[in-house]
Amino acid sequence: MDPLSDGLRVPATKVDGCASQVWLVPEIEGDGDDARFRFKGDSDAMIVRGLIAILISLYDGLTVSEVLEVDASGELGRLGLQDHLSSQRSNGLRAMVTRVRALANAAAA
């Protein structure tokens, strides 16, 4: 992933609830439920950058309504991540999923 520019590393794009610095920047194409959801992300921690890449592969290009239907916990569980992440990283991953869903909800409204 390309790093985010400093101009996108602002409080509005920062994800709360992560031990590391994490920023997610939505790029919604279109309007309403049929809008396509895309986002960029970055972190100051390499492992978290990898988690962001996984989330991008899970959500990128879906409609905002499809994003809201994704069972992220189930999909991430299939990867067995819970066996390899600390509780802090797991909490941060949940915070990122929550942010993605909030961005999709806002775009659908």
Protein backbone atom coordinates (compact mmCIF):
# COMPACT_ATOMS: atom_id res chain seq x y z
CA MET A 1 0.00 0.00 0.00
CA ASP A 2 1.13 3.50 -0.69
CA PRO A 3 1.43 5.61 2.44
CA LEU A 4 -1.17 8.33 3.00
CA SER A 5 -0.06 11.89 2.53
CA ASP A 6 0.29 13.96 5.69
CA GLY A 7 -2.75 15.97 4.61
CA LEU A 8 -4.93 12.85 5.04
CA ARG A 9 -3.51 11.99 8.47
CA VAL A 10 -5.95 14.21 10.32
CA PRO A 11 -8.24 13.67 13.32
CA ALA A 12 -11.25 13.13 11.04
CA THR A 13 -9.62 10.07 9.43
CA LYS A 14 -7.98 8.68 12.56
CA VAL A 15 -9.45 5.50 14.02
CA ASP A 16 -10.00 5.61 17.76
CA GLY A 17 -9.55 2.41 19.74
CA CYS A 18 -6.30 1.32 18.13
CA ALA A 19 -3.05 1.15 20.08
CA SER A 20 -1.22 2.23 16.93
CA GLN A 21 -1.88 5.30 14.83
CA VAL A 22 -4.44 4.30 12.16
CA TRP A 23 -6.09 6.39 9.47
CA LEU A 24 -8.86 5.28 7.08
CA VAL A 25 -9.89 7.54 4.22
CA PRO A 26 -13.10 6.71 2.34
CA GLU A 27 -13.47 7.19 -1.39
CA ILE A 28 -17.16 6.73 -2.17
CA GLU A 29 -18.06 6.52 -5.86
CA GLY A 30 -21.71 7.36 -6.54
CA ASP A 31 -24.67 7.98 -4.24
CA GLY A 32 -27.02 6.02 -2.01
CA ASP A 33 -27.02 2.27 -1.53
CA ASP A 34 -25.47 1.66 -4.96
CA ALA A 35 -22.43 3.83 -4.23
CA ARG A 36 -19.17 1.90 -4.48
CA PHE A 37 -17.08 1.82 -1.34
CA ARG A 38 -13.34 2.26 -1.62
CA PHE A 39 -10.89 3.39 0.99
CA LYS A 40 -7.24 3.94 1.67
CA GLY A 41 -5.54 3.41 4.96
CA ASP A 42 -2.25 3.67 6.75
CA SER A 43 -0.67 3.04 10.12
CA ASP A 44 2.58 3.65 11.91
CA ALA A 45 2.80 -0.11 12.63
CA MET A 46 3.65 -2.61 9.89
CA ILE A 47 1.38 -5.37 11.22
CA VAL A 48 -1.55 -2.94 11.29
CA ARG A 49 -0.79 -1.91 7.71
CA GLY A 50 -1.21 -5.60 6.88
CA LEU A 51 -4.55 -5.69 8.68
CA ILE A 52 -5.66 -2.64 6.71
CA ALA A 53 -4.67 -4.44 3.49
CA ILE A 54 -6.86 -7.39 4.54
CA LEU A 55 -9.79 -5.05 5.18
CA ILE A 56 -9.28 -3.39 1.80
CA SER A 57 -9.42 -6.80 0.12
CA LEU A 58 -12.58 -7.61 2.10
CA TYR A 59 -14.50 -4.39 1.40
CA ASP A 60 -12.99 -2.50 -1.53
CA GLY A 61 -15.30 -2.13 -4.52
CA LEU A 62 -18.46 -3.35 -2.78
CA THR A 63 -21.56 -1.21 -2.74
CA VAL A 64 -22.18 0.52 0.57
CA SER A 65 -25.15 -1.78 1.18
CA GLU A 66 -22.94 -4.84 0.54
CA VAL A 67 -20.36 -3.49 3.00
CA LEU A 68 -23.05 -3.46 5.67
CA GLU A 69 -23.91 -7.11 4.93
CA VAL A 70 -20.34 -8.41 5.30
CA ASP A 71 -19.83 -10.64 8.32
CA ALA A 72 -16.37 -9.28 9.05
CA SER A 73 -15.97 -11.34 12.21
CA GLY A 74 -16.74 -14.53 10.32
CA GLU A 75 -14.55 -13.67 7.35
CA LEU A 76 -11.61 -12.66 9.53
CA GLY A 77 -12.19 -15.74 11.66
CA ARG A 78 -11.69 -17.94 8.61
CA LEU A 79 -8.15 -16.54 8.42
CA GLY A 80 -7.46 -17.57 12.02
CA LEU A 81 -6.24 -14.09 12.91
CA GLN A 82 -7.53 -14.39 16.48
CA ASP A 83 -4.83 -17.00 17.09
CA HIS A 84 -2.07 -14.62 16.05
CA LEU A 85 -3.11 -11.18 17.28
CA SER A 86 -2.73 -9.72 20.73
CA SER A 87 -5.88 -8.51 22.46
CA GLN A 88 -4.84 -4.92 21.69
CA ARG A 89 -4.46 -5.70 17.97
CA SER A 90 -7.79 -7.57 17.97
CA ASN A 91 -9.48 -4.56 19.58
CA GLY A 92 -7.89 -2.29 17.00
CA LEU A 93 -9.07 -4.51 14.17
CA ARG A 94 -12.62 -4.38 15.54
CA ALA A 95 -12.32 -0.59 15.75
CA MET A 96 -11.28 -0.46 12.08
CA VAL A 97 -14.23 -2.66 11.06
CA THR A 98 -16.55 -0.41 13.07
CA ARG A 99 -15.14 2.64 11.27
CA VAL A 100 -15.59 1.01 7.86
CA ARG A 101 -19.22 0.22 8.68
CA ALA A 102 -19.80 3.77 9.94
CA LEU A 103 -18.35 5.21 6.73
CA ALA A 104 -20.58 2.94 4.65
CA ASN A 105 -23.64 3.89 6.75
CA ALA A 106 -22.89 7.58 6.25
CA ALA A 107 -22.50 7.10 2.50
CA ALA A 108 -25.79 5.19 2.26
CA ALA A 109 -27.72 7.92 4.11
